[in-house]
PDB file of N, CA and C in Angstrom:
ATOM      1  N   UNK A   1      12.677  31.053 -19.993  1.00  0.00           N
ATOM      2  CA  UNK A   1      12.701  31.787 -21.583  1.00  0.00           C
ATOM      3  C   UNK A   1      12.791  33.171 -21.540  1.00  0.00           C
ATOM      4  N   UNK A   2      11.745  33.273 -21.366  1.00  0.00           N
ATOM      5  CA  UNK A   2      11.400  34.992 -22.005  1.00  0.00           C
ATOM      6  C   UNK A   2      12.579  35.798 -20.902  1.00  0.00           C
ATOM      7  N   UNK A   3      12.749  35.408 -20.416  1.00  0.00           N
ATOM      8  CA  UNK A   3      13.623  36.633 -19.206  1.00  0.00           C
ATOM      9  C   UNK A   3      14.409  36.578 -19.887  1.00  0.00           C
ATOM     10  N   UNK A   4      14.957  35.661 -20.230  1.00  0.00           N
ATOM     11  CA  UNK A   4      17.023  35.448 -20.273  1.00  0.00           C
ATOM     12  C   UNK A   4      16.614  35.984 -21.571  1.00  0.00           C
ATOM     13  N   UNK A   5      15.504  35.959 -22.457  1.00  0.00           N
ATOM     14  CA  UNK A   5      16.378  36.758 -24.155  1.00  0.00           C
ATOM     15  C   UNK A   5      15.804  38.028 -23.526  1.00  0.00           C
ATOM     16  N   UNK A   6      15.527  38.758 -22.424  1.00  0.00           N
ATOM     17  CA  UNK A   6      15.019  39.854 -21.925  1.00  0.00           C
ATOM     18  C   UNK A   6      16.863  40.665 -22.419  1.00  0.00           C
ATOM     19  N   UNK A   7      17.594  39.602 -21.155  1.00  0.00           N
ATOM     20  CA  UNK A   7      18.490  39.916 -20.103  1.00  0.00           C
ATOM     21  C   UNK A   7      19.264  40.471 -22.100  1.00  0.00           C
ATOM     22  N   UNK A   8      19.716  39.328 -23.064  1.00  0.00           N
ATOM     23  CA  UNK A   8      20.411  39.805 -23.578  1.00  0.00           C
ATOM     24  C   UNK A   8      20.508  41.320 -24.452  1.00  0.00           C
ATOM     25  N   UNK A   9      18.287  41.227 -24.421  1.00  0.00           N
ATOM     26  CA  UNK A   9      18.656  42.117 -25.445  1.00  0.00           C
ATOM     27  C   UNK A   9      19.092  43.749 -24.333  1.00  0.00           C
ATOM     28  N   UNK A  10      18.800  44.139 -23.297  1.00  0.00           N
ATOM     29  CA  UNK A  10      19.776  45.146 -22.620  1.00  0.00           C
ATOM     30  C   UNK A  10      21.301  44.743 -22.111  1.00  0.00           C
ATOM     31  N   UNK A  11      21.466  43.555 -22.145  1.00  0.00           N
ATOM     32  CA  UNK A  11      22.468  44.032 -22.377  1.00  0.00           C
ATOM     33  C   UNK A  11      23.715  44.631 -23.789  1.00  0.00           C
ATOM     34  N   UNK A  12      23.074  44.525 -24.865  1.00  0.00           N
ATOM     35  CA  UNK A  12      23.224  44.070 -26.450  1.00  0.00           C
ATOM     36  C   UNK A  12      23.081  46.027 -26.883  1.00  0.00           C
ATOM     37  N   UNK A  13      21.611  46.368 -26.374  1.00  0.00           N
ATOM     38  CA  UNK A  13      21.161  46.897 -27.013  1.00  0.00           C
ATOM     39  C   UNK A  13      22.289  48.601 -26.657  1.00  0.00           C
ATOM     40  N   UNK A  14      22.336  48.532 -25.972  1.00  0.00           N
ATOM     41  CA  UNK A  14      23.706  50.137 -26.184  1.00  0.00           C
ATOM     42  C   UNK A  14      24.915  49.728 -26.780  1.00  0.00           C
ATOM     43  N   UNK A  15      24.817  48.522 -27.627  1.00  0.00           N
ATOM     44  CA  UNK A  15      25.885  48.505 -28.807  1.00  0.00           C
ATOM     45  C   UNK A  15      25.207  48.933 -29.882  1.00  0.00           C
ATOM     46  N   UNK A  16      23.311  49.238 -30.484  1.00  0.00           N
ATOM     47  CA  UNK A  16      23.031  49.633 -31.273  1.00  0.00           C
ATOM     48  C   UNK A  16      23.736  51.160 -31.662  1.00  0.00           C
ATOM     49  N   UNK A  17      24.563  52.071 -31.178  1.00  0.00           N
ATOM     50  CA  UNK A  17      25.503  53.102 -31.357  1.00  0.00           C
ATOM     51  C   UNK A  17      26.124  52.663 -30.706  1.00  0.00           C
ATOM     52  N   UNK A  18      27.044  51.764 -31.884  1.00  0.00           N
ATOM     53  CA  UNK A  18      28.494  51.744 -31.318  1.00  0.00           C
ATOM     54  C   UNK A  18      29.317  52.201 -32.418  1.00  0.00           C
ATOM     55  N   UNK A  19      30.106  52.864 -32.865  1.00  0.00           N
ATOM     56  CA  UNK A  19      30.932  53.416 -33.806  1.00  0.00           C
ATOM     57  C   UNK A  19      31.803  52.976 -34.666  1.00  0.00           C
ATOM     58  N   UNK A  20      31.453  51.301 -34.808  1.00  0.00           N
ATOM     59  CA  UNK A  20      31.510  50.580 -36.096  1.00  0.00           C
ATOM     60  C   UNK A  20      29.874  50.748 -36.354  1.00  0.00           C
ATOM     61  N   UNK A  21      30.117  50.126 -37.915  1.00  0.00           N
ATOM     62  CA  UNK A  21      29.408  49.906 -38.991  1.00  0.00           C
ATOM     63  C   UNK A  21      28.287  49.023 -38.349  1.00  0.00           C
ATOM     64  N   UNK A  22      29.425  47.851 -38.441  1.00  0.00           N
ATOM     65  CA  UNK A  22      29.728  46.175 -38.432  1.00  0.00           C
ATOM     66  C   UNK A  22      29.105  45.576 -37.144  1.00  0.00           C
ATOM     67  N   UNK A  23      29.531  45.982 -36.369  1.00  0.00           N
ATOM     68  CA  UNK A  23      28.626  45.896 -33.995  1.00  0.00           C
ATOM     69  C   UNK A  23      27.320  46.620 -34.456  1.00  0.00           C
ATOM     70  N   UNK A  24      27.460  47.417 -34.523  1.00  0.00           N
ATOM     71  CA  UNK A  24      25.777  48.203 -35.126  1.00  0.00           C
ATOM     72  C   UNK A  24      24.356  47.071 -35.638  1.00  0.00           C
ATOM     73  N   UNK A  25      25.435  46.451 -37.019  1.00  0.00           N
ATOM     74  CA  UNK A  25      24.312  45.821 -38.155  1.00  0.00           C
ATOM     75  C   UNK A  25      24.094  44.238 -37.366  1.00  0.00           C
ATOM     76  N   UNK A  26      25.121  43.507 -36.429  1.00  0.00           N
ATOM     77  CA  UNK A  26      25.572  42.046 -35.734  1.00  0.00           C
ATOM     78  C   UNK A  26      24.134  42.426 -34.729  1.00  0.00           C
ATOM     79  N   UNK A  27      24.741  44.136 -33.989  1.00  0.00           N
ATOM     80  CA  UNK A  27      23.481  44.030 -32.803  1.00  0.00           C
ATOM     81  C   UNK A  27      21.591  44.243 -33.302  1.00  0.00           C
ATOM     82  N   UNK A  28      21.688  44.587 -34.592  1.00  0.00           N
ATOM     83  CA  UNK A  28      20.263  44.656 -34.826  1.00  0.00           C
ATOM     84  C   UNK A  28      19.655  43.119 -35.134  1.00  0.00           C
ATOM     85  N   UNK A  29      20.524  42.712 -36.155  1.00  0.00           N
ATOM     86  CA  UNK A  29      20.740  40.501 -36.145  1.00  0.00           C
ATOM     87  C   UNK A  29      20.349  39.793 -34.547  1.00  0.00           C
ATOM     88  N   UNK A  30      21.440  40.416 -33.840  1.00  0.00           N
ATOM     89  CA  UNK A  30      20.885  39.780 -32.855  1.00  0.00           C
ATOM     90  C   UNK A  30      19.298  40.041 -32.502  1.00  0.00           C
ATOM     91  N   UNK A  31      18.915  41.245 -31.979  1.00  0.00           N
ATOM     92  CA  UNK A  31      17.833  42.348 -31.577  1.00  0.00           C
ATOM     93  C   UNK A  31      16.446  41.417 -31.970  1.00  0.00           C
ATOM     94  N   UNK A  32      16.509  41.474 -33.705  1.00  0.00           N
ATOM     95  CA  UNK A  32      15.467  40.530 -34.358  1.00  0.00           C
ATOM     96  C   UNK A  32      16.124  39.420 -33.611  1.00  0.00           C
ATOM     97  N   UNK A  33      16.823  38.766 -33.829  1.00  0.00           N
ATOM     98  CA  UNK A  33      16.036  37.276 -33.780  1.00  0.00           C
ATOM     99  C   UNK A  33      15.918  36.989 -32.200  1.00  0.00           C
ATOM    100  N   UNK A  34      16.336  37.490 -31.452  1.00  0.00           N
ATOM    101  CA  UNK A  34      15.908  37.728 -30.171  1.00  0.00           C
ATOM    102  C   UNK A  34      13.718  37.899 -29.940  1.00  0.00           C
ATOM    103  N   UNK A  35      13.601  39.014 -31.022  1.00  0.00           N
ATOM    104  CA  UNK A  35      12.344  39.214 -31.098  1.00  0.00           C
ATOM    105  C   UNK A  35      11.961  37.826 -31.521  1.00  0.00           C
ATOM    106  N   UNK A  36      12.212  37.229 -32.465  1.00  0.00           N
ATOM    107  CA  UNK A  36      11.907  35.564 -33.717  1.00  0.00           C
ATOM    108  C   UNK A  36      11.069  34.659 -32.372  1.00  0.00           C
ATOM    109  N   UNK A  37      12.037  34.512 -31.572  1.00  0.00           N
ATOM    110  CA  UNK A  37      11.565  33.744 -30.090  1.00  0.00           C
ATOM    111  C   UNK A  37       9.927  34.728 -29.315  1.00  0.00           C
ATOM    112  N   UNK A  38       9.645  35.641 -29.694  1.00  0.00           N
ATOM    113  CA  UNK A  38       8.953  36.623 -29.450  1.00  0.00           C
ATOM    114  C   UNK A  38       7.133  36.934 -29.800  1.00  0.00           C
ATOM    115  N   UNK A  39       5.995  36.717 -29.582  1.00  0.00           N
ATOM    116  CA  UNK A  39       5.396  37.167 -30.635  1.00  0.00           C
ATOM    117  C   UNK A  39       5.289  38.999 -30.620  1.00  0.00           C
ATOM    118  N   UNK A  40       4.716  39.705 -31.168  1.00  0.00           N
ATOM    119  CA  UNK A  40       4.569  41.244 -31.043  1.00  0.00           C
ATOM    120  C   UNK A  40       4.192  41.497 -30.537  1.00  0.00           C
ATOM    121  N   UNK A  41       3.237  41.027 -29.214  1.00  0.00           N
ATOM    122  CA  UNK A  41       3.110  41.631 -28.182  1.00  0.00           C
ATOM    123  C   UNK A  41       4.289  41.767 -27.534  1.00  0.00           C
ATOM    124  N   UNK A  42       5.076  40.596 -27.265  1.00  0.00           N
ATOM    125  CA  UNK A  42       5.823  40.432 -26.211  1.00  0.00           C
ATOM    126  C   UNK A  42       7.858  40.924 -26.834  1.00  0.00           C
ATOM    127  N   UNK A  43       7.167  40.706 -28.007  1.00  0.00           N
ATOM    128  CA  UNK A  43       9.076  41.701 -28.084  1.00  0.00           C
ATOM    129  C   UNK A  43       8.992  43.831 -28.106  1.00  0.00           C
ATOM    130  N   UNK A  44       6.709  44.181 -28.008  1.00  0.00           N
ATOM    131  CA  UNK A  44       6.694  45.335 -27.823  1.00  0.00           C
ATOM    132  C   UNK A  44       6.447  45.567 -26.531  1.00  0.00           C
ATOM    133  N   UNK A  45       6.353  44.817 -26.108  1.00  0.00           N
ATOM    134  CA  UNK A  45       6.717  45.294 -24.018  1.00  0.00           C
ATOM    135  C   UNK A  45       8.331  45.133 -22.991  1.00  0.00           C
ATOM    136  N   UNK A  46       8.605  43.755 -23.543  1.00  0.00           N
ATOM    137  CA  UNK A  46       9.735  43.204 -23.113  1.00  0.00           C
ATOM    138  C   UNK A  46      11.236  43.659 -23.600  1.00  0.00           C
ATOM    139  N   UNK A  47      11.085  43.607 -25.521  1.00  0.00           N
ATOM    140  CA  UNK A  47      12.636  44.238 -25.915  1.00  0.00           C
ATOM    141  C   UNK A  47      12.577  45.352 -26.278  1.00  0.00           C
ATOM    142  N   UNK A  48      11.434  46.060 -27.398  1.00  0.00           N
ATOM    143  CA  UNK A  48      11.572  47.104 -27.180  1.00  0.00           C
ATOM    144  C   UNK A  48      12.170  48.650 -26.447  1.00  0.00           C
ATOM    145  N   UNK A  49      10.977  48.400 -24.993  1.00  0.00           N
ATOM    146  CA  UNK A  49      11.334  49.221 -23.316  1.00  0.00           C
ATOM    147  C   UNK A  49      13.157  49.184 -23.566  1.00  0.00           C
ATOM    148  N   UNK A  50      14.588  48.877 -24.020  1.00  0.00           N
ATOM    149  CA  UNK A  50      15.221  48.889 -24.083  1.00  0.00           C
ATOM    150  C   UNK A  50      15.783  48.879 -25.059  1.00  0.00           C
ATOM    151  N   UNK A  51      15.750  48.460 -26.283  1.00  0.00           N
ATOM    152  CA  UNK A  51      16.244  49.566 -27.820  1.00  0.00           C
ATOM    153  C   UNK A  51      15.639  51.285 -28.107  1.00  0.00           C
ATOM    154  N   UNK A  52      13.944  51.032 -27.142  1.00  0.00           N
ATOM    155  CA  UNK A  52      13.785  52.347 -27.772  1.00  0.00           C
ATOM    156  C   UNK A  52      14.903  53.636 -27.411  1.00  0.00           C
ATOM    157  N   UNK A  53      16.106  53.594 -26.498  1.00  0.00           N
ATOM    158  CA  UNK A  53      16.188  54.963 -26.381  1.00  0.00           C
ATOM    159  C   UNK A  53      17.022  55.416 -27.328  1.00  0.00           C
ATOM    160  N   UNK A  54      17.253  54.668 -28.051  1.00  0.00           N
ATOM    161  CA  UNK A  54      18.586  54.710 -29.213  1.00  0.00           C
ATOM    162  C   UNK A  54      17.955  54.779 -30.785  1.00  0.00           C
ATOM    163  N   UNK A  55      16.250  54.584 -30.698  1.00  0.00           N
ATOM    164  CA  UNK A  55      15.689  55.103 -31.961  1.00  0.00           C
ATOM    165  C   UNK A  55      14.645  56.866 -31.860  1.00  0.00           C
ATOM    166  N   UNK A  56      15.723  57.084 -33.364  1.00  0.00           N
ATOM    167  CA  UNK A  56      14.958  57.859 -33.942  1.00  0.00           C
ATOM    168  C   UNK A  56      13.582  58.210 -34.042  1.00  0.00           C
ATOM    169  N   UNK A  57      12.460  57.063 -34.481  1.00  0.00           N
ATOM    170  CA  UNK A  57      11.147  57.436 -34.708  1.00  0.00           C
ATOM    171  C   UNK A  57      11.085  55.394 -33.151  1.00  0.00           C
ATOM    172  N   UNK A  58       9.783  55.749 -32.896  1.00  0.00           N
ATOM    173  CA  UNK A  58       8.615  54.753 -31.711  1.00  0.00           C
ATOM    174  C   UNK A  58       8.633  54.117 -33.586  1.00  0.00           C
ATOM    175  N   UNK A  59       8.940  52.406 -32.650  1.00  0.00           N
ATOM    176  CA  UNK A  59       9.078  51.322 -33.364  1.00  0.00           C
ATOM    177  C   UNK A  59       8.030  50.495 -32.865  1.00  0.00           C
ATOM    178  N   UNK A  60       7.586  50.255 -33.587  1.00  0.00           N
ATOM    179  CA  UNK A  60       6.056  48.520 -33.190  1.00  0.00           C
ATOM    180  C   UNK A  60       6.756  46.605 -33.314  1.00  0.00           C
ATOM    181  N   UNK A  61       7.892  46.682 -33.626  1.00  0.00           N
ATOM    182  CA  UNK A  61       8.218  45.909 -33.364  1.00  0.00           C
ATOM    183  C   UNK A  61      10.156  46.401 -33.834  1.00  0.00           C
ATOM    184  N   UNK A  62      11.211  44.676 -33.434  1.00  0.00           N
ATOM    185  CA  UNK A  62      12.535  45.204 -34.130  1.00  0.00           C
ATOM    186  C   UNK A  62      12.667  45.031 -35.276  1.00  0.00           C
ATOM    187  N   UNK A  63      11.301  44.103 -35.441  1.00  0.00           N
ATOM    188  CA  UNK A  63      11.659  44.200 -38.217  1.00  0.00           C
ATOM    189  C   UNK A  63      12.269  45.673 -38.154  1.00  0.00           C
ATOM    190  N   UNK A  64      11.959  46.619 -37.842  1.00  0.00           N
ATOM    191  CA  UNK A  64      11.638  47.946 -37.925  1.00  0.00           C
ATOM    192  C   UNK A  64      12.714  48.440 -37.298  1.00  0.00           C
ATOM    193  N   UNK A  65      13.789  48.181 -37.122  1.00  0.00           N
ATOM    194  CA  UNK A  65      15.322  48.876 -37.250  1.00  0.00           C
ATOM    195  C   UNK A  65      15.760  49.363 -37.596  1.00  0.00           C
ATOM    196  N   UNK A  66      15.899  49.059 -38.594  1.00  0.00           N
ATOM    197  CA  UNK A  66      17.055  49.676 -39.328  1.00  0.00           C
ATOM    198  C   UNK A  66      16.099  50.931 -40.291  1.00  0.00           C
ATOM    199  N   UNK A  67      16.999  51.649 -40.165  1.00  0.00           N
ATOM    200  CA  UNK A  67      17.153  53.192 -40.554  1.00  0.00           C
ATOM    201  C   UNK A  67      16.360  53.994 -39.378  1.00  0.00           C
ATOM    202  N   UNK A  68      15.721  53.264 -38.371  1.00  0.00           N
ATOM    203  CA  UNK A  68      15.507  53.984 -37.066  1.00  0.00           C
ATOM    204  C   UNK A  68      16.239  54.631 -36.284  1.00  0.00           C
ATOM    205  N   UNK A  69      18.091  54.159 -36.024  1.00  0.00           N
ATOM    206  CA  UNK A  69      19.063  53.801 -34.948  1.00  0.00           C
ATOM    207  C   UNK A  69      19.343  55.546 -34.901  1.00  0.00           C
ATOM    208  N   UNK A  70      19.426  56.300 -34.042  1.00  0.00           N
ATOM    209  CA  UNK A  70      20.612  57.146 -33.595  1.00  0.00           C
ATOM    210  C   UNK A  70      21.907  56.997 -34.204  1.00  0.00           C
ATOM    211  N   UNK A  71      22.187  58.639 -34.312  1.00  0.00           N
ATOM    212  CA  UNK A  71      24.134  58.592 -35.063  1.00  0.00           C
ATOM    213  C   UNK A  71      24.113  58.025 -33.532  1.00  0.00           C
ATOM    214  N   UNK A  72      25.605  56.813 -34.094  1.00  0.00           N
ATOM    215  CA  UNK A  72      25.928  55.740 -33.371  1.00  0.00           C
ATOM    216  C   UNK A  72      26.900  57.548 -32.882  1.00  0.00           C
ATOM    217  N   UNK A  73      27.378  56.825 -31.736  1.00  0.00           N
ATOM    218  CA  UNK A  73      28.458  57.924 -30.526  1.00  0.00           C
ATOM    219  C   UNK A  73      29.238  57.806 -31.584  1.00  0.00           C
ATOM    220  N   UNK A  74      30.634  58.648 -30.842  1.00  0.00           N
ATOM    221  CA  UNK A  74      32.278  59.073 -30.716  1.00  0.00           C
ATOM    222  C   UNK A  74      32.506  58.025 -30.313  1.00  0.00           C
ATOM    223  N   UNK A  75      34.002  57.580 -30.787  1.00  0.00           N
ATOM    224  CA  UNK A  75      35.259  56.373 -30.677  1.00  0.00           C
ATOM    225  C   UNK A  75      34.871  57.169 -28.862  1.00  0.00           C
ATOM    226  N   UNK A  76      34.757  58.252 -29.012  1.00  0.00           N
ATOM    227  CA  UNK A  76      36.076  58.846 -27.878  1.00  0.00           C
ATOM    228  C   UNK A  76      34.310  58.791 -27.067  1.00  0.00           C
ATOM    229  N   UNK A  77      33.678  59.208 -27.340  1.00  0.00           N
ATOM    230  CA  UNK A  77      32.493  59.201 -26.474  1.00  0.00           C
ATOM    231  C   UNK A  77      32.216  57.822 -26.279  1.00  0.00           C
ATOM    232  N   UNK A  78      31.961  57.062 -26.856  1.00  0.00           N
ATOM    233  CA  UNK A  78      31.161  55.497 -26.831  1.00  0.00           C
ATOM    234  C   UNK A  78      32.913  54.719 -25.526  1.00  0.00           C
ATOM    235  N   UNK A  79      34.110  55.414 -25.913  1.00  0.00           N
ATOM    236  CA  UNK A  79      34.935  55.041 -24.705  1.00  0.00           C
ATOM    237  C   UNK A  79      34.329  55.649 -23.025  1.00  0.00           C
ATOM    238  N   UNK A  80      34.175  56.703 -23.397  1.00  0.00           N
ATOM    239  CA  UNK A  80      34.254  57.160 -22.124  1.00  0.00           C
ATOM    240  C   UNK A  80      32.819  56.690 -21.976  1.00  0.00           C
ATOM    241  N   UNK A  81      31.782  56.448 -22.599  1.00  0.00           N
ATOM    242  CA  UNK A  81      30.324  56.511 -21.584  1.00  0.00           C
ATOM    243  C   UNK A  81      30.865  54.632 -20.848  1.00  0.00           C
ATOM    244  N   UNK A  82      31.886  54.370 -21.503  1.00  0.00           N
ATOM    245  CA  UNK A  82      32.601  52.441 -20.541  1.00  0.00           C
ATOM    246  C   UNK A  82      33.037  51.987 -20.031  1.00  0.00           C
ATOM    247  N   UNK A  83      34.214  53.676 -20.380  1.00  0.00           N
ATOM    248  CA  UNK A  83      35.078  53.794 -19.038  1.00  0.00           C
ATOM    249  C   UNK A  83      34.306  54.938 -17.213  1.00  0.00           C
ATOM    250  N   UNK A  84      33.255  54.770 -17.785  1.00  0.00           N
ATOM    251  CA  UNK A  84      31.792  55.135 -16.584  1.00  0.00           C
ATOM    252  C   UNK A  84      32.070  54.748 -16.325  1.00  0.00           C
ATOM    253  N   UNK A  85      30.987  53.356 -17.122  1.00  0.00           N
ATOM    254  CA  UNK A  85      30.798  53.040 -16.354  1.00  0.00           C
ATOM    255  C   UNK A  85      31.522  51.655 -16.430  1.00  0.00           C
ATOM    256  N   UNK A  86      32.309  51.605 -16.114  1.00  0.00           N
ATOM    257  CA  UNK A  86      33.920  50.630 -15.732  1.00  0.00           C
ATOM    258  C   UNK A  86      33.539  52.403 -13.481  1.00  0.00           C
ATOM    259  N   UNK A  87      33.613  52.572 -13.909  1.00  0.00           N
ATOM    260  CA  UNK A  87      33.389  53.364 -12.090  1.00  0.00           C
ATOM    261  C   UNK A  87      32.913  52.852 -11.749  1.00  0.00           C
ATOM    262  N   UNK A  88      31.358  52.548 -12.050  1.00  0.00           N
ATOM    263  CA  UNK A  88      29.778  52.950 -11.360  1.00  0.00           C
ATOM    264  C   UNK A  88      30.002  51.025 -10.778  1.00  0.00           C
ATOM    265  N   UNK A  89      30.894  50.761 -11.496  1.00  0.00           N
ATOM    266  CA  UNK A  89      30.795  49.658 -11.229  1.00  0.00           C
ATOM    267  C   UNK A  89      31.315  49.317 -10.084  1.00  0.00           C
ATOM    268  N   UNK A  90      32.939  49.265 -10.220  1.00  0.00           N
ATOM    269  CA  UNK A  90      34.585  49.533  -9.387  1.00  0.00           C
ATOM    270  C   UNK A  90      33.276  49.542  -8.279  1.00  0.00           C
ATOM    271  N   UNK A  91      32.715  51.435  -7.536  1.00  0.00           N
ATOM    272  CA  UNK A  91      31.977  52.388  -6.581  1.00  0.00           C
ATOM    273  C   UNK A  91      30.594  51.783  -5.853  1.00  0.00           C
ATOM    274  N   UNK A  92      30.462  50.578  -7.323  1.00  0.00           N
ATOM    275  CA  UNK A  92      29.372  49.960  -6.333  1.00  0.00           C
ATOM    276  C   UNK A  92      29.941  47.774  -5.901  1.00  0.00           C
ATOM    277  N   UNK A  93      31.148  47.327  -6.412  1.00  0.00           N
ATOM    278  CA  UNK A  93      31.717  46.700  -5.310  1.00  0.00           C
ATOM    279  C   UNK A  93      32.191  46.432  -4.631  1.00  0.00           C
ATOM    280  N   UNK A  94      32.886  48.163  -4.378  1.00  0.00           N
ATOM    281  CA  UNK A  94      33.563  48.934  -3.609  1.00  0.00           C
ATOM    282  C   UNK A  94      32.961  48.485  -1.939  1.00  0.00           C
ATOM    283  N   UNK A  95      31.526  49.636  -2.489  1.00  0.00           N
ATOM    284  CA  UNK A  95      30.922  49.297  -1.766  1.00  0.00           C
ATOM    285  C   UNK A  95      29.336  48.595  -1.177  1.00  0.00           C
ATOM    286  N   UNK A  96      29.573  47.904  -2.031  1.00  0.00           N
ATOM    287  CA  UNK A  96      28.780  46.952  -1.973  1.00  0.00           C
ATOM    288  C   UNK A  96      27.084  47.201  -2.571  1.00  0.00           C
ATOM    289  N   UNK A  97      27.350  47.963  -3.261  1.00  0.00           N
ATOM    290  CA  UNK A  97      26.208  49.053  -4.091  1.00  0.00           C
ATOM    291  C   UNK A  97      25.317  47.289  -5.119  1.00  0.00           C
ATOM    292  N   UNK A  98      24.412  47.678  -5.149  1.00  0.00           N
ATOM    293  CA  UNK A  98      24.046  46.864  -6.447  1.00  0.00           C
ATOM    294  C   UNK A  98      24.444  47.954  -7.704  1.00  0.00           C
ATOM    295  N   UNK A  99      25.154  46.515  -9.094  1.00  0.00           N
ATOM    296  CA  UNK A  99      25.721  47.042 -10.124  1.00  0.00           C
ATOM    297  C   UNK A  99      24.771  47.796 -10.114  1.00  0.00           C
ATOM    298  N   UNK A 100      24.938  48.724 -11.355  1.00  0.00           N
ATOM    299  CA  UNK A 100      24.649  49.910 -12.798  1.00  0.00           C
ATOM    300  C   UNK A 100      24.019  48.696 -13.672  1.00  0.00           C
ATOM    301  N   UNK A 101      22.528  49.361 -13.926  1.00  0.00           N
ATOM    302  CA  UNK A 101      22.155  48.511 -15.621  1.00  0.00           C
ATOM    303  C   UNK A 101      23.000  49.328 -16.375  1.00  0.00           C
ATOM    304  N   UNK A 102      23.532  47.956 -17.292  1.00  0.00           N
ATOM    305  CA  UNK A 102      24.569  47.628 -18.770  1.00  0.00           C
ATOM    306  C   UNK A 102      23.680  48.806 -19.356  1.00  0.00           C
ATOM    307  N   UNK A 103      21.932  49.179 -19.468  1.00  0.00           N
ATOM    308  CA  UNK A 103      21.184  49.629 -20.151  1.00  0.00           C
ATOM    309  C   UNK A 103      20.620  51.326 -20.673  1.00  0.00           C
ATOM    310  N   UNK A 104      21.920  51.743 -19.235  1.00  0.00           N
ATOM    311  CA  UNK A 104      21.663  52.831 -18.501  1.00  0.00           C
ATOM    312  C   UNK A 104      22.078  53.783 -19.379  1.00  0.00           C
ATOM    313  N   UNK A 105      22.659  54.326 -20.964  1.00  0.00           N
ATOM    314  CA  UNK A 105      23.446  55.020 -20.770  1.00  0.00           C
ATOM    315  C   UNK A 105      22.377  56.359 -21.111  1.00  0.00           C
ATOM    316  N   UNK A 106      23.011  57.580 -20.918  1.00  0.00           N
ATOM    317  CA  UNK A 106      22.398  58.206 -21.150  1.00  0.00           C
ATOM    318  C   UNK A 106      22.620  58.848 -22.822  1.00  0.00           C
ATOM    319  N   UNK A 107      22.479  58.503 -23.974  1.00  0.00           N
ATOM    320  CA  UNK A 107      22.583  59.714 -25.096  1.00  0.00           C
ATOM    321  C   UNK A 107      23.050  61.413 -24.819  1.00  0.00           C
ATOM    322  N   UNK A 108      22.897  62.136 -23.780  1.00  0.00           N
ATOM    323  CA  UNK A 108      22.643  63.726 -23.793  1.00  0.00           C
ATOM    324  C   UNK A 108      24.349  63.569 -23.695  1.00  0.00           C
ATOM    325  N   UNK A 109      23.867  62.826 -22.547  1.00  0.00           N
ATOM    326  CA  UNK A 109      25.701  63.335 -22.061  1.00  0.00           C
ATOM    327  C   UNK A 109      26.515  62.318 -22.013  1.00  0.00           C
ATOM    328  N   UNK A 110      26.496  61.767 -23.838  1.00  0.00           N
ATOM    329  CA  UNK A 110      28.111  60.779 -23.726  1.00  0.00           C
ATOM    330  C   UNK A 110      28.254  61.472 -25.474  1.00  0.00           C
ATOM    331  N   UNK A 111      27.246  62.326 -26.198  1.00  0.00           N
ATOM    332  CA  UNK A 111      27.406  62.656 -27.722  1.00  0.00           C
ATOM    333  C   UNK A 111      29.128  63.443 -27.896  1.00  0.00           C
ATOM    334  N   UNK A 112      29.468  63.447 -28.389  1.00  0.00           N
ATOM    335  CA  UNK A 112      30.287  64.468 -28.414  1.00  0.00           C
ATOM    336  C   UNK A 112      30.050  65.213 -29.793  1.00  0.00           C
ATOM    337  N   UNK A 113      30.754  65.613 -30.042  1.00  0.00           N
ATOM    338  CA  UNK A 113      30.355  66.653 -31.400  1.00  0.00           C
ATOM    339  C   UNK A 113      31.787  66.507 -32.428  1.00  0.00           C
ATOM    340  N   UNK A 114      31.160  65.841 -33.364  1.00  0.00           N
ATOM    341  CA  UNK A 114      32.036  64.730 -34.438  1.00  0.00           C
ATOM    342  C   UNK A 114      32.398  66.379 -35.351  1.00  0.00           C
TER     343      UNK A 114
END
């Protein structure tokens, strides 16, 4: 069960920088719901590594996410990240390599001047 929760966290964490305020808020809700099913220690060990790249400061629990998220990406930058991910998936399938991780978003190269 814990592995399933961690898998969901890894998939939704990049949405913490989505351009839409509503999507970011709902993503925080999902991460909190995942955390509610785990102890604080399990949250820190299993969920926070997926969330941490999208935070301005270190927090100990998913309950403290509001106000510490990095600034959202512009729509253009977010789409560019998605397109790059699609290209990586295509290449992996074409050359029979492992699929890339969805959480491997590099915010440094993905940000746009807004």
